[in-house]
């Protein structure tokens, strides 16, 4: 066998082995790269609607859930609480919900909700994104001697009524956001979808 024949065979073997190793390496590199195009389970869950059981939310009470990584507050208002909402207009920055981006059309009312007794609101202050605290009782508070119930943001002092409307004199300029939501039945609220777009 000639020297050229041995070299050609060896060359073919080396080229083939190098190509195979290169293909396997490219496959190992491609799998995570292609996988990065697919949303993670956490990302899928973050955008998914959130179901909230409201059957055990008592009068005046609030529950907190999560939707898209943000807290969602669901509070059950009493008739007494609802009766105070009309009289607060003179103390609010936007009593008529002029900023239409803050709530869906079906929540563009004094209650800012589908059903007057139940409010669904993002628990994110529209000033700098802190989580306002729920203070439903009508009683003097250190942050407001004439408090009529609602949410108070401990970070910078923004105050919101029981419809999530911001009080004048608060650092926040907008009402709390009402997310899209619908009722699956009398006991379950689905946040993230509504009947109008479902």
Protein backbone atom coordinates (compact mmCIF):
# COMPACT_ATOMS: atom_id res chain seq x y z
CA UNK A 1 0.00 0.00 0.00
CA UNK A 2 1.38 3.37 -0.90
CA UNK A 3 2.06 6.14 1.54
CA UNK A 4 -0.61 8.26 -0.21
CA UNK A 5 -3.24 5.55 0.37
CA UNK A 6 -2.56 5.41 4.09
CA UNK A 7 -2.72 9.17 4.43
CA UNK A 8 -6.01 9.41 2.47
CA UNK A 9 -7.62 6.76 4.67
CA UNK A 10 -6.38 8.36 7.81
CA UNK A 11 -7.49 11.77 6.53
CA UNK A 12 -10.97 10.42 5.77
CA UNK A 13 -11.19 8.86 9.23
CA UNK A 14 -10.08 12.08 10.94
CA UNK A 15 -12.44 14.25 8.89
CA UNK A 16 -15.33 11.89 9.66
CA UNK A 17 -14.56 11.74 13.38
CA UNK A 18 -14.10 15.51 13.61
CA UNK A 19 -17.40 16.07 11.77
CA UNK A 20 -19.24 13.68 14.10
CA UNK A 21 -17.82 15.31 17.23
CA UNK A 22 -18.64 18.75 15.78
CA UNK A 23 -22.23 17.71 15.03
CA UNK A 24 -22.70 16.36 18.55
CA UNK A 25 -21.22 19.57 20.00
CA UNK A 26 -23.48 21.72 17.82
CA UNK A 27 -26.46 19.70 19.04
CA UNK A 28 -25.48 20.33 22.67
CA UNK A 29 -25.22 24.04 21.93
CA UNK A 30 -28.46 24.19 19.93
CA UNK A 31 -30.71 22.52 22.53
CA UNK A 32 -30.42 25.27 25.19
CA UNK A 33 -30.51 27.96 22.50
CA UNK A 34 -33.73 26.63 20.96
CA UNK A 35 -35.08 25.99 24.46
CA UNK A 36 -34.55 29.65 25.32
CA UNK A 37 -37.14 30.56 22.68
CA UNK A 38 -39.82 28.68 24.62
CA UNK A 39 -41.36 30.41 27.65
CA UNK A 40 -40.59 28.78 30.97
CA UNK A 41 -43.31 27.27 33.15
CA UNK A 42 -42.88 30.22 35.49
CA UNK A 43 -43.35 32.67 32.61
CA UNK A 44 -46.43 30.78 31.41
CA UNK A 45 -47.89 30.86 34.91
CA UNK A 46 -47.09 34.56 35.28
CA UNK A 47 -49.32 35.43 32.34
CA UNK A 48 -52.00 32.86 33.06
CA UNK A 49 -55.34 33.87 34.56
CA UNK A 50 -55.66 33.47 38.33
CA UNK A 51 -58.70 31.84 39.93
CA UNK A 52 -59.68 33.20 43.33
CA UNK A 53 -62.20 31.52 45.62
CA UNK A 54 -64.23 34.34 47.16
CA UNK A 55 -66.74 32.14 49.00
CA UNK A 56 -64.99 32.57 52.34
CA UNK A 57 -64.32 36.32 52.09
CA UNK A 58 -66.48 37.72 54.88
CA UNK A 59 -68.10 41.14 55.03
CA UNK A 60 -65.40 43.79 55.30
CA UNK A 61 -62.61 41.23 54.80
CA UNK A 62 -59.97 41.03 52.07
CA UNK A 63 -57.94 38.21 50.49
CA UNK A 64 -54.74 38.52 48.50
CA UNK A 65 -53.91 36.45 45.42
CA UNK A 66 -51.23 36.76 42.73
CA UNK A 67 -51.54 37.48 39.03
CA UNK A 68 -48.60 38.20 36.71
CA UNK A 69 -46.32 38.43 39.73
CA UNK A 70 -48.40 41.19 41.33
CA UNK A 71 -50.72 41.07 44.35
CA UNK A 72 -54.45 41.20 43.66
CA UNK A 73 -56.72 42.32 46.48
CA UNK A 74 -60.32 41.10 46.62
CA UNK A 75 -62.42 42.79 49.31
CA UNK A 76 -66.07 42.27 50.22
CA UNK A 77 -67.67 45.61 51.05
CA UNK A 78 -70.68 45.98 53.29
CA UNK A 79 -73.69 48.18 52.51
CA UNK A 80 -72.35 50.68 55.03
CA UNK A 81 -68.98 50.79 53.24
CA UNK A 82 -70.66 51.23 49.87
CA UNK A 83 -72.81 54.04 51.23
CA UNK A 84 -69.72 56.11 52.08
CA UNK A 85 -68.29 56.05 48.55
CA UNK A 86 -70.61 58.68 47.03
CA UNK A 87 -69.78 61.27 49.68
CA UNK A 88 -66.01 61.13 49.13
CA UNK A 89 -65.88 62.74 45.67
CA UNK A 90 -64.74 66.13 47.01
CA UNK A 91 -61.72 64.55 48.71
CA UNK A 92 -60.51 62.55 45.66
CA UNK A 93 -58.14 63.34 42.77
CA UNK A 94 -60.13 61.33 40.20
CA UNK A 95 -63.59 60.56 41.62
CA UNK A 96 -65.10 60.02 38.16
CA UNK A 97 -62.45 57.58 36.88
CA UNK A 98 -61.31 60.04 34.20
CA UNK A 99 -58.19 57.95 33.53
CA UNK A 100 -59.96 55.17 31.61
CA UNK A 101 -56.81 53.03 31.51
CA UNK A 102 -57.15 52.38 35.27
CA UNK A 103 -60.24 50.13 34.94
CA UNK A 104 -62.19 48.16 32.32
CA UNK A 105 -65.47 49.67 31.08
CA UNK A 106 -67.56 47.43 33.35
CA UNK A 107 -65.75 48.87 36.39
CA UNK A 108 -66.16 52.50 35.33
CA UNK A 109 -68.59 53.32 38.13
CA UNK A 110 -68.44 54.60 41.70
CA UNK A 111 -67.84 51.02 42.96
CA UNK A 112 -65.18 50.29 40.30
CA UNK A 113 -66.43 46.72 40.11
CA UNK A 114 -68.82 44.33 38.36
CA UNK A 115 -70.78 43.72 41.56
CA UNK A 116 -70.92 46.54 44.14
CA UNK A 117 -70.08 44.35 47.13
CA UNK A 118 -66.87 42.81 45.70
CA UNK A 119 -63.88 44.82 44.48
CA UNK A 120 -60.93 43.28 42.62
CA UNK A 121 -57.92 45.61 42.50
CA UNK A 122 -54.17 45.32 41.89
CA UNK A 123 -52.38 45.76 45.21
CA UNK A 124 -49.75 48.03 43.70
CA UNK A 125 -49.56 51.72 44.62
CA UNK A 126 -49.61 53.89 41.51
CA UNK A 127 -46.92 56.12 43.01
CA UNK A 128 -43.85 53.87 43.19
CA UNK A 129 -45.26 50.35 43.26
CA UNK A 130 -45.41 49.55 46.99
CA UNK A 131 -48.20 47.36 48.40
CA UNK A 132 -50.90 49.45 50.12
CA UNK A 133 -52.30 48.07 53.39
CA UNK A 134 -56.00 47.48 53.92
CA UNK A 135 -57.65 49.60 56.62
CA UNK A 136 -61.41 48.99 56.21
CA UNK A 137 -62.58 50.44 59.53
CA UNK A 138 -64.09 53.92 59.65
CA UNK A 139 -62.07 55.49 62.44
CA UNK A 140 -59.40 58.14 62.93
CA UNK A 141 -56.01 56.90 61.77
CA UNK A 142 -52.56 58.50 62.24
CA UNK A 143 -52.45 59.10 58.47
CA UNK A 144 -56.02 60.51 58.25
CA UNK A 145 -58.11 61.68 61.23
CA UNK A 146 -61.26 61.46 59.06
CA UNK A 147 -60.55 58.00 57.61
CA UNK A 148 -63.52 56.37 55.88
CA UNK A 149 -61.87 53.04 55.07
CA UNK A 150 -59.67 51.95 52.18
CA UNK A 151 -55.97 51.37 51.52
CA UNK A 152 -52.97 53.24 52.86
CA UNK A 153 -49.51 52.92 51.33
CA UNK A 154 -46.92 52.90 54.13
CA UNK A 155 -44.03 53.72 51.77
CA UNK A 156 -44.95 57.33 50.95
CA UNK A 157 -48.41 57.90 52.42
CA UNK A 158 -50.77 57.53 49.45
CA UNK A 159 -54.37 56.91 50.48
CA UNK A 160 -57.10 55.18 48.48
CA UNK A 161 -60.79 54.76 49.29
CA UNK A 162 -62.68 51.45 49.29
CA UNK A 163 -63.02 51.72 45.49
CA UNK A 164 -59.27 52.21 45.06
CA UNK A 165 -59.67 55.91 44.18
CA UNK A 166 -56.76 58.09 45.27
CA UNK A 167 -57.28 60.87 47.80
CA UNK A 168 -56.13 64.42 47.10
CA UNK A 169 -52.86 65.21 48.83
CA UNK A 170 -51.47 61.72 48.12
CA UNK A 171 -48.19 61.27 46.24
CA UNK A 172 -49.94 58.80 43.88
CA UNK A 173 -51.55 60.56 40.94
CA UNK A 174 -53.79 57.71 39.75
CA UNK A 175 -56.39 55.40 41.20
CA UNK A 176 -55.43 51.78 41.86
CA UNK A 177 -55.68 49.62 38.75
CA UNK A 178 -58.67 47.32 38.30
CA UNK A 179 -57.47 44.28 36.32
CA UNK A 180 -59.68 42.50 33.80
CA UNK A 181 -61.74 39.85 35.58
CA UNK A 182 -64.92 37.83 35.38
CA UNK A 183 -66.98 35.51 37.55
CA UNK A 184 -66.72 31.81 36.79
CA UNK A 185 -69.62 31.38 39.22
CA UNK A 186 -70.81 33.10 42.41
CA UNK A 187 -67.78 31.81 44.34
CA UNK A 188 -64.89 32.07 41.86
CA UNK A 189 -63.36 35.16 40.26
CA UNK A 190 -60.97 34.73 37.35
CA UNK A 191 -58.43 37.56 37.09
CA UNK A 192 -56.79 38.13 33.72
CA UNK A 193 -59.79 37.50 31.46
CA UNK A 194 -63.22 39.00 31.17
CA UNK A 195 -66.47 38.05 29.50
CA UNK A 196 -66.06 40.80 26.91
CA UNK A 197 -62.80 39.38 25.51
CA UNK A 198 -62.99 35.70 26.57
